[in-house]
Amino acid sequence: MNISVKGKAVHFDDRYLHVELEDGRIILTPMSWYKELQAGTFKQLANYQFICQGTGIEWAELDYHLSIESMLLSQLNQKAA
């Protein structure tokens, strides 16, 4: 799948990672999918930046990188199962 989706904002709650895309869509994935992020503090989670021309997210303090495309593919795989 060749998708060019770019992030606009990232939010968290107790259960989900929310990524707002530039086109207005919002992706929600369970925080339980991201053990490294679950281990981070709220301050560390809030300290993210978009990388790779907006197609990825980096949490430098946690040494963690996430592809927005992989979030979409994970959602598709979960629905197919």
C-alpha atoms as a PDB file:
ATOM      1  CA  MET A   1       0.000   0.000   0.000  1.00  0.00           C
ATOM      2  CA  ASN A   2       1.464   3.323  -1.028  1.00  0.00           C
ATOM      3  CA  ILE A   3      -0.199   5.980   1.100  1.00  0.00           C
ATOM      4  CA  SER A   4       0.993   9.509   1.630  1.00  0.00           C
ATOM      5  CA  VAL A   5      -0.694  10.606   4.844  1.00  0.00           C
ATOM      6  CA  LYS A   6       0.650  13.418   6.934  1.00  0.00           C
ATOM      7  CA  GLY A   7       0.048  14.070  10.593  1.00  0.00           C
ATOM      8  CA  LYS A   8      -1.193  17.331  12.029  1.00  0.00           C
ATOM      9  CA  ALA A   9      -1.478  16.637  15.773  1.00  0.00           C
ATOM     10  CA  VAL A  10      -1.075  13.842  18.326  1.00  0.00           C
ATOM     11  CA  HIS A  11      -3.198  13.324  21.448  1.00  0.00           C
ATOM     12  CA  PHE A  12      -3.408  10.627  24.105  1.00  0.00           C
ATOM     13  CA  ASP A  13      -5.919   9.384  26.589  1.00  0.00           C
ATOM     14  CA  ASP A  14      -5.890   6.387  28.908  1.00  0.00           C
ATOM     15  CA  ARG A  15      -6.776   3.976  26.121  1.00  0.00           C
ATOM     16  CA  TYR A  16      -5.918   5.429  22.712  1.00  0.00           C
ATOM     17  CA  LEU A  17      -3.287   7.178  20.643  1.00  0.00           C
ATOM     18  CA  HIS A  18      -5.083   9.759  18.480  1.00  0.00           C
ATOM     19  CA  VAL A  19      -3.372  11.100  15.362  1.00  0.00           C
ATOM     20  CA  GLU A  20      -5.114  13.873  13.487  1.00  0.00           C
ATOM     21  CA  LEU A  21      -4.218  13.913   9.798  1.00  0.00           C
ATOM     22  CA  GLU A  22      -3.856  16.977   7.587  1.00  0.00           C
ATOM     23  CA  ASP A  23      -6.934  15.904   5.612  1.00  0.00           C
ATOM     24  CA  GLY A  24      -9.102  15.984   8.758  1.00  0.00           C
ATOM     25  CA  ARG A  25      -9.271  12.260   9.505  1.00  0.00           C
ATOM     26  CA  ILE A  26      -8.374  11.004  12.976  1.00  0.00           C
ATOM     27  CA  ILE A  27      -6.736   7.627  13.554  1.00  0.00           C
ATOM     28  CA  LEU A  28      -7.265   5.972  16.933  1.00  0.00           C
ATOM     29  CA  THR A  29      -5.213   2.946  17.927  1.00  0.00           C
ATOM     30  CA  PRO A  30      -5.003   1.286  21.338  1.00  0.00           C
ATOM     31  CA  MET A  31      -2.121   2.447  23.520  1.00  0.00           C
ATOM     32  CA  SER A  32      -1.596  -1.224  24.393  1.00  0.00           C
ATOM     33  CA  TRP A  33      -0.111  -1.652  20.899  1.00  0.00           C
ATOM     34  CA  TYR A  34       2.785   0.664  21.867  1.00  0.00           C
ATOM     35  CA  LYS A  35       4.516  -0.660  24.990  1.00  0.00           C
ATOM     36  CA  GLU A  36       7.310   1.909  24.662  1.00  0.00           C
ATOM     37  CA  LEU A  37       4.808   4.760  24.705  1.00  0.00           C
ATOM     38  CA  GLN A  38       2.881   3.256  27.610  1.00  0.00           C
ATOM     39  CA  ALA A  39       6.101   3.369  29.629  1.00  0.00           C
ATOM     40  CA  GLY A  40       6.529   7.101  28.979  1.00  0.00           C
ATOM     41  CA  THR A  41       5.397   9.965  31.162  1.00  0.00           C
ATOM     42  CA  PHE A  42       2.764  12.422  29.971  1.00  0.00           C
ATOM     43  CA  LYS A  43       5.515  15.017  29.509  1.00  0.00           C
ATOM     44  CA  GLN A  44       7.534  12.595  27.334  1.00  0.00           C
ATOM     45  CA  LEU A  45       4.465  11.666  25.275  1.00  0.00           C
ATOM     46  CA  ALA A  46       3.626  15.324  24.696  1.00  0.00           C
ATOM     47  CA  ASN A  47       7.179  15.901  23.423  1.00  0.00           C
ATOM     48  CA  TYR A  48       6.778  14.489  19.910  1.00  0.00           C
ATOM     49  CA  GLN A  49       7.649  15.784  16.480  1.00  0.00           C
ATOM     50  CA  PHE A  50       6.613  14.824  12.989  1.00  0.00           C
ATOM     51  CA  ILE A  51       9.405  13.401  10.853  1.00  0.00           C
ATOM     52  CA  CYS A  52       9.804  12.188   7.268  1.00  0.00           C
ATOM     53  CA  GLN A  53       7.825  15.082   5.805  1.00  0.00           C
ATOM     54  CA  GLY A  54       4.998  14.530   8.288  1.00  0.00           C
ATOM     55  CA  THR A  55       4.499  10.829   7.600  1.00  0.00           C
ATOM     56  CA  GLY A  56       6.078   9.650  10.854  1.00  0.00           C
ATOM     57  CA  ILE A  57       6.141  10.591  14.516  1.00  0.00           C
ATOM     58  CA  GLU A  58       9.208  10.651  16.750  1.00  0.00           C
ATOM     59  CA  TRP A  59       9.445  10.679  20.528  1.00  0.00           C
ATOM     60  CA  ALA A  60      13.154  11.462  20.895  1.00  0.00           C
ATOM     61  CA  GLU A  61      13.251  11.032  24.690  1.00  0.00           C
ATOM     62  CA  LEU A  62      11.750   7.560  24.345  1.00  0.00           C
ATOM     63  CA  ASP A  63      13.813   6.697  21.243  1.00  0.00           C
ATOM     64  CA  TYR A  64      10.594   5.646  19.505  1.00  0.00           C
ATOM     65  CA  HIS A  65       9.435   6.234  15.936  1.00  0.00           C
ATOM     66  CA  LEU A  66       6.045   5.457  14.434  1.00  0.00           C
ATOM     67  CA  SER A  67       4.917   5.452  10.818  1.00  0.00           C
ATOM     68  CA  ILE A  68       1.419   6.854  10.296  1.00  0.00           C
ATOM     69  CA  GLU A  69       0.994   4.453   7.366  1.00  0.00           C
ATOM     70  CA  SER A  70       1.733   1.543   9.713  1.00  0.00           C
ATOM     71  CA  MET A  71      -1.056   2.755  12.001  1.00  0.00           C
ATOM     72  CA  LEU A  72      -3.500   2.633   9.077  1.00  0.00           C
ATOM     73  CA  LEU A  73      -2.295  -0.797   7.985  1.00  0.00           C
ATOM     74  CA  SER A  74      -2.578  -2.108  11.547  1.00  0.00           C
ATOM     75  CA  GLN A  75      -6.182  -0.934  11.663  1.00  0.00           C
ATOM     76  CA  LEU A  76      -6.940  -2.699   8.382  1.00  0.00           C
ATOM     77  CA  ASN A  77      -5.294  -5.911   9.633  1.00  0.00           C
ATOM     78  CA  GLN A  78      -7.265  -5.786  12.889  1.00  0.00           C
ATOM     79  CA  LYS A  79     -10.561  -5.378  10.999  1.00  0.00           C
ATOM     80  CA  ALA A  80      -9.725  -8.274   8.673  1.00  0.00           C
ATOM     81  CA  ALA A  81      -8.988 -10.648  11.568  1.00  0.00           C
END
